[in-house]
């Protein structure tokens, strides 16, 4: 899979699992995304896909790297 395709899949999963925030943007907690069975089957390297999507300004999250457990409550926002 190429990066653009994985980012498109990521957007679909964020829309599936997320909810609208006060600004009307779709957001999901990292832990919800990371622990979802469907996401686990789709993404070999979820963190890498998240970083690529952030670089392309498709999503936003605080920090540079998200780690399971430590960052489970970090919001991933669809831009």
C-alpha atoms as a PDB file:
ATOM      1  CA  UNK A   1       0.000   0.000   0.000  1.00  0.00           C
ATOM      2  CA  UNK A   2       1.200   3.479  -0.742  1.00  0.00           C
ATOM      3  CA  UNK A   3       1.152   6.278   1.821  1.00  0.00           C
ATOM      4  CA  UNK A   4      -1.692   8.229   0.173  1.00  0.00           C
ATOM      5  CA  UNK A   5      -3.906   5.152   0.202  1.00  0.00           C
ATOM      6  CA  UNK A   6      -3.122   4.477   3.880  1.00  0.00           C
ATOM      7  CA  UNK A   7      -3.890   8.102   4.771  1.00  0.00           C
ATOM      8  CA  UNK A   8      -7.261   7.817   2.981  1.00  0.00           C
ATOM      9  CA  UNK A   9      -8.010   4.657   4.977  1.00  0.00           C
ATOM     10  CA  UNK A  10      -6.979   6.470   8.163  1.00  0.00           C
ATOM     11  CA  UNK A  11      -9.420   9.308   7.409  1.00  0.00           C
ATOM     12  CA  UNK A  12     -12.211   6.747   6.948  1.00  0.00           C
ATOM     13  CA  UNK A  13     -11.389   5.087  10.275  1.00  0.00           C
ATOM     14  CA  UNK A  14     -11.240   8.412  12.132  1.00  0.00           C
ATOM     15  CA  UNK A  15     -14.660   9.276  10.685  1.00  0.00           C
ATOM     16  CA  UNK A  16     -15.993   5.845  11.716  1.00  0.00           C
ATOM     17  CA  UNK A  17     -14.652   5.936  15.281  1.00  0.00           C
ATOM     18  CA  UNK A  18     -14.620   9.650  15.995  1.00  0.00           C
ATOM     19  CA  UNK A  19     -17.112  12.283  17.003  1.00  0.00           C
ATOM     20  CA  UNK A  20     -17.479  16.012  16.338  1.00  0.00           C
ATOM     21  CA  UNK A  21     -15.737  18.431  18.700  1.00  0.00           C
ATOM     22  CA  UNK A  22     -16.941  21.945  19.582  1.00  0.00           C
ATOM     23  CA  UNK A  23     -15.442  23.333  16.351  1.00  0.00           C
ATOM     24  CA  UNK A  24     -17.263  20.739  14.232  1.00  0.00           C
ATOM     25  CA  UNK A  25     -14.092  18.770  13.473  1.00  0.00           C
ATOM     26  CA  UNK A  26     -14.044  14.996  13.733  1.00  0.00           C
ATOM     27  CA  UNK A  27     -11.716  13.750  16.457  1.00  0.00           C
ATOM     28  CA  UNK A  28     -10.847  10.440  18.058  1.00  0.00           C
ATOM     29  CA  UNK A  29      -8.621   9.468  20.979  1.00  0.00           C
ATOM     30  CA  UNK A  30      -5.381   7.726  20.014  1.00  0.00           C
ATOM     31  CA  UNK A  31      -6.180   4.813  22.335  1.00  0.00           C
ATOM     32  CA  UNK A  32      -9.531   4.208  20.629  1.00  0.00           C
ATOM     33  CA  UNK A  33      -7.867   4.164  17.210  1.00  0.00           C
ATOM     34  CA  UNK A  34      -4.914   2.050  18.362  1.00  0.00           C
ATOM     35  CA  UNK A  35      -7.050  -0.564  20.144  1.00  0.00           C
ATOM     36  CA  UNK A  36      -9.653  -0.954  17.399  1.00  0.00           C
ATOM     37  CA  UNK A  37      -9.515  -4.427  15.804  1.00  0.00           C
ATOM     38  CA  UNK A  38     -10.331  -3.172  12.323  1.00  0.00           C
ATOM     39  CA  UNK A  39      -7.541  -0.565  12.475  1.00  0.00           C
ATOM     40  CA  UNK A  40      -5.126  -3.208  13.740  1.00  0.00           C
ATOM     41  CA  UNK A  41      -5.901  -5.302  10.656  1.00  0.00           C
ATOM     42  CA  UNK A  42      -5.610  -2.397   8.209  1.00  0.00           C
ATOM     43  CA  UNK A  43      -2.492  -0.591   9.425  1.00  0.00           C
ATOM     44  CA  UNK A  44       0.856  -2.329   9.803  1.00  0.00           C
ATOM     45  CA  UNK A  45       2.369   0.819  11.270  1.00  0.00           C
ATOM     46  CA  UNK A  46      -0.422   3.041  12.599  1.00  0.00           C
ATOM     47  CA  UNK A  47       1.985   5.503  14.238  1.00  0.00           C
ATOM     48  CA  UNK A  48       3.895   5.908  10.963  1.00  0.00           C
ATOM     49  CA  UNK A  49       0.660   6.525   9.060  1.00  0.00           C
ATOM     50  CA  UNK A  50      -0.400   9.094  11.668  1.00  0.00           C
ATOM     51  CA  UNK A  51       2.927  10.924  11.336  1.00  0.00           C
ATOM     52  CA  UNK A  52       2.660  10.941   7.525  1.00  0.00           C
ATOM     53  CA  UNK A  53      -0.912  12.274   7.711  1.00  0.00           C
ATOM     54  CA  UNK A  54       0.200  14.985  10.141  1.00  0.00           C
ATOM     55  CA  UNK A  55       3.041  16.034   7.811  1.00  0.00           C
ATOM     56  CA  UNK A  56       0.505  16.320   4.968  1.00  0.00           C
ATOM     57  CA  UNK A  57      -1.753  18.400   7.276  1.00  0.00           C
ATOM     58  CA  UNK A  58      -4.636  15.907   7.044  1.00  0.00           C
ATOM     59  CA  UNK A  59      -4.770  15.449  10.818  1.00  0.00           C
ATOM     60  CA  UNK A  60      -3.480  17.226  13.891  1.00  0.00           C
ATOM     61  CA  UNK A  61      -2.355  15.983  17.296  1.00  0.00           C
ATOM     62  CA  UNK A  62      -0.127  17.282  20.060  1.00  0.00           C
ATOM     63  CA  UNK A  63       3.453  16.067  20.064  1.00  0.00           C
ATOM     64  CA  UNK A  64       5.562  14.329  17.452  1.00  0.00           C
ATOM     65  CA  UNK A  65       5.127  10.683  18.374  1.00  0.00           C
ATOM     66  CA  UNK A  66       2.238   8.828  19.991  1.00  0.00           C
ATOM     67  CA  UNK A  67       2.856   5.760  22.146  1.00  0.00           C
ATOM     68  CA  UNK A  68       0.300   3.215  23.322  1.00  0.00           C
ATOM     69  CA  UNK A  69      -0.666   3.674  26.946  1.00  0.00           C
ATOM     70  CA  UNK A  70       1.169   6.955  27.462  1.00  0.00           C
ATOM     71  CA  UNK A  71      -0.790   8.890  24.821  1.00  0.00           C
ATOM     72  CA  UNK A  72      -4.110   7.009  24.774  1.00  0.00           C
ATOM     73  CA  UNK A  73      -6.040  10.178  25.671  1.00  0.00           C
ATOM     74  CA  UNK A  74      -4.481  12.425  23.005  1.00  0.00           C
ATOM     75  CA  UNK A  75      -7.014  13.748  20.494  1.00  0.00           C
ATOM     76  CA  UNK A  76      -6.372  13.113  16.813  1.00  0.00           C
ATOM     77  CA  UNK A  77      -8.267  15.786  14.877  1.00  0.00           C
ATOM     78  CA  UNK A  78      -9.277  15.517  11.243  1.00  0.00           C
ATOM     79  CA  UNK A  79      -8.504  18.800   9.483  1.00  0.00           C
END
